């Protein structure tokens, strides 16, 4: 499994992906975590795109992307990063 779970993956599968971003076990993902995973995965998304992804996914951007925010974005809003 990569960094983008498919629609048929379970909540547990999405949790595993979330943990790839939240390595420090903070309970949320910060913008810098998106940058790190983007770099490691060699996705080549620019900073503007990552910032848009972050702000779309975060329920409250100043509190980061919680697991629930992440889950909703990944499962219920497929291709959320393109909008």
C-alpha atoms as a PDB file:
ATOM      1  CA  UNK A   1       0.000   0.000   0.000  1.00  0.00           C
ATOM      2  CA  UNK A   2       1.293   3.440  -0.878  1.00  0.00           C
ATOM      3  CA  UNK A   3       0.337   6.802   0.532  1.00  0.00           C
ATOM      4  CA  UNK A   4      -3.083   6.918  -1.132  1.00  0.00           C
ATOM      5  CA  UNK A   5      -5.574   4.285   0.024  1.00  0.00           C
ATOM      6  CA  UNK A   6      -8.166   3.022  -2.425  1.00  0.00           C
ATOM      7  CA  UNK A   7     -11.883   3.385  -1.810  1.00  0.00           C
ATOM      8  CA  UNK A   8     -12.258  -0.244  -0.685  1.00  0.00           C
ATOM      9  CA  UNK A   9      -9.591  -0.164   2.008  1.00  0.00           C
ATOM     10  CA  UNK A  10     -10.603  -0.380   5.636  1.00  0.00           C
ATOM     11  CA  UNK A  11     -10.292   2.228   8.343  1.00  0.00           C
ATOM     12  CA  UNK A  12      -7.309   0.264   9.678  1.00  0.00           C
ATOM     13  CA  UNK A  13      -5.611   0.511   6.282  1.00  0.00           C
ATOM     14  CA  UNK A  14      -6.149   4.262   6.267  1.00  0.00           C
ATOM     15  CA  UNK A  15      -4.705   4.425   9.804  1.00  0.00           C
ATOM     16  CA  UNK A  16      -1.517   2.786   8.542  1.00  0.00           C
ATOM     17  CA  UNK A  17      -1.188   5.436   5.852  1.00  0.00           C
ATOM     18  CA  UNK A  18      -1.900   8.170   8.423  1.00  0.00           C
ATOM     19  CA  UNK A  19       0.948   6.848  10.581  1.00  0.00           C
ATOM     20  CA  UNK A  20       3.334   7.204   7.634  1.00  0.00           C
ATOM     21  CA  UNK A  21       2.651  10.932   7.823  1.00  0.00           C
ATOM     22  CA  UNK A  22       2.390  11.211  11.625  1.00  0.00           C
ATOM     23  CA  UNK A  23       5.649   9.492  12.552  1.00  0.00           C
ATOM     24  CA  UNK A  24       5.970  11.374  15.827  1.00  0.00           C
ATOM     25  CA  UNK A  25       2.544  10.101  16.935  1.00  0.00           C
ATOM     26  CA  UNK A  26       1.248  13.626  17.550  1.00  0.00           C
ATOM     27  CA  UNK A  27      -2.267  12.617  16.529  1.00  0.00           C
ATOM     28  CA  UNK A  28      -2.299  15.033  13.622  1.00  0.00           C
ATOM     29  CA  UNK A  29      -0.437  15.808  10.418  1.00  0.00           C
ATOM     30  CA  UNK A  30       1.297  19.121   9.903  1.00  0.00           C
ATOM     31  CA  UNK A  31       2.097  20.732   6.578  1.00  0.00           C
ATOM     32  CA  UNK A  32       5.761  19.819   7.058  1.00  0.00           C
ATOM     33  CA  UNK A  33       4.724  16.141   7.321  1.00  0.00           C
ATOM     34  CA  UNK A  34       3.100  16.398   3.874  1.00  0.00           C
ATOM     35  CA  UNK A  35       6.312  17.901   2.525  1.00  0.00           C
ATOM     36  CA  UNK A  36       8.401  15.086   4.047  1.00  0.00           C
ATOM     37  CA  UNK A  37       6.238  12.276   2.657  1.00  0.00           C
ATOM     38  CA  UNK A  38       6.022  14.020  -0.709  1.00  0.00           C
ATOM     39  CA  UNK A  39       9.809  14.088  -0.838  1.00  0.00           C
ATOM     40  CA  UNK A  40      10.235  10.493   0.343  1.00  0.00           C
ATOM     41  CA  UNK A  41       7.633   9.181  -2.099  1.00  0.00           C
ATOM     42  CA  UNK A  42       9.131  11.284  -4.896  1.00  0.00           C
ATOM     43  CA  UNK A  43       5.660  12.600  -5.736  1.00  0.00           C
ATOM     44  CA  UNK A  44       7.077  15.942  -6.932  1.00  0.00           C
ATOM     45  CA  UNK A  45       4.080  18.003  -5.827  1.00  0.00           C
ATOM     46  CA  UNK A  46       4.920  21.681  -5.504  1.00  0.00           C
ATOM     47  CA  UNK A  47       4.585  23.618  -2.244  1.00  0.00           C
ATOM     48  CA  UNK A  48       1.408  25.374  -3.423  1.00  0.00           C
ATOM     49  CA  UNK A  49      -0.320  22.060  -4.152  1.00  0.00           C
ATOM     50  CA  UNK A  50       0.714  20.620  -0.786  1.00  0.00           C
ATOM     51  CA  UNK A  51      -0.598  23.712   0.977  1.00  0.00           C
ATOM     52  CA  UNK A  52      -3.952  23.399  -0.834  1.00  0.00           C
ATOM     53  CA  UNK A  53      -4.135  19.718   0.104  1.00  0.00           C
ATOM     54  CA  UNK A  54      -3.413  20.575   3.716  1.00  0.00           C
ATOM     55  CA  UNK A  55      -6.031  23.307   3.958  1.00  0.00           C
ATOM     56  CA  UNK A  56      -8.689  21.185   2.237  1.00  0.00           C
ATOM     57  CA  UNK A  57      -8.113  18.214   4.511  1.00  0.00           C
ATOM     58  CA  UNK A  58      -7.637  19.993   7.840  1.00  0.00           C
ATOM     59  CA  UNK A  59     -10.874  20.628   9.690  1.00  0.00           C
ATOM     60  CA  UNK A  60      -9.039  23.328  11.633  1.00  0.00           C
ATOM     61  CA  UNK A  61      -5.760  24.139   9.838  1.00  0.00           C
ATOM     62  CA  UNK A  62      -4.113  25.562  12.967  1.00  0.00           C
ATOM     63  CA  UNK A  63      -4.629  22.154  14.650  1.00  0.00           C
ATOM     64  CA  UNK A  64      -3.346  20.012  11.790  1.00  0.00           C
ATOM     65  CA  UNK A  65      -5.040  17.175   9.947  1.00  0.00           C
ATOM     66  CA  UNK A  66      -6.516  14.771  12.485  1.00  0.00           C
ATOM     67  CA  UNK A  67      -7.032  11.119  11.680  1.00  0.00           C
ATOM     68  CA  UNK A  68     -10.751  11.757  11.186  1.00  0.00           C
ATOM     69  CA  UNK A  69     -10.005  14.639   8.775  1.00  0.00           C
ATOM     70  CA  UNK A  70      -7.570  12.385   6.931  1.00  0.00           C
ATOM     71  CA  UNK A  71      -9.989   9.468   6.820  1.00  0.00           C
ATOM     72  CA  UNK A  72     -12.824  11.616   5.496  1.00  0.00           C
ATOM     73  CA  UNK A  73     -10.543  13.131   2.866  1.00  0.00           C
ATOM     74  CA  UNK A  74      -9.088   9.831   1.714  1.00  0.00           C
ATOM     75  CA  UNK A  75     -12.221   7.717   1.681  1.00  0.00           C
ATOM     76  CA  UNK A  76     -15.146  10.044   1.111  1.00  0.00           C
ATOM     77  CA  UNK A  77     -13.513  12.644  -1.071  1.00  0.00           C
ATOM     78  CA  UNK A  78     -11.472  10.637  -3.533  1.00  0.00           C
ATOM     79  CA  UNK A  79      -9.006  12.774  -5.451  1.00  0.00           C
ATOM     80  CA  UNK A  80      -9.373  15.541  -2.841  1.00  0.00           C
ATOM     81  CA  UNK A  81      -5.877  16.746  -3.621  1.00  0.00           C
ATOM     82  CA  UNK A  82      -6.830  17.821  -7.149  1.00  0.00           C
ATOM     83  CA  UNK A  83      -9.462  20.373  -6.152  1.00  0.00           C
END
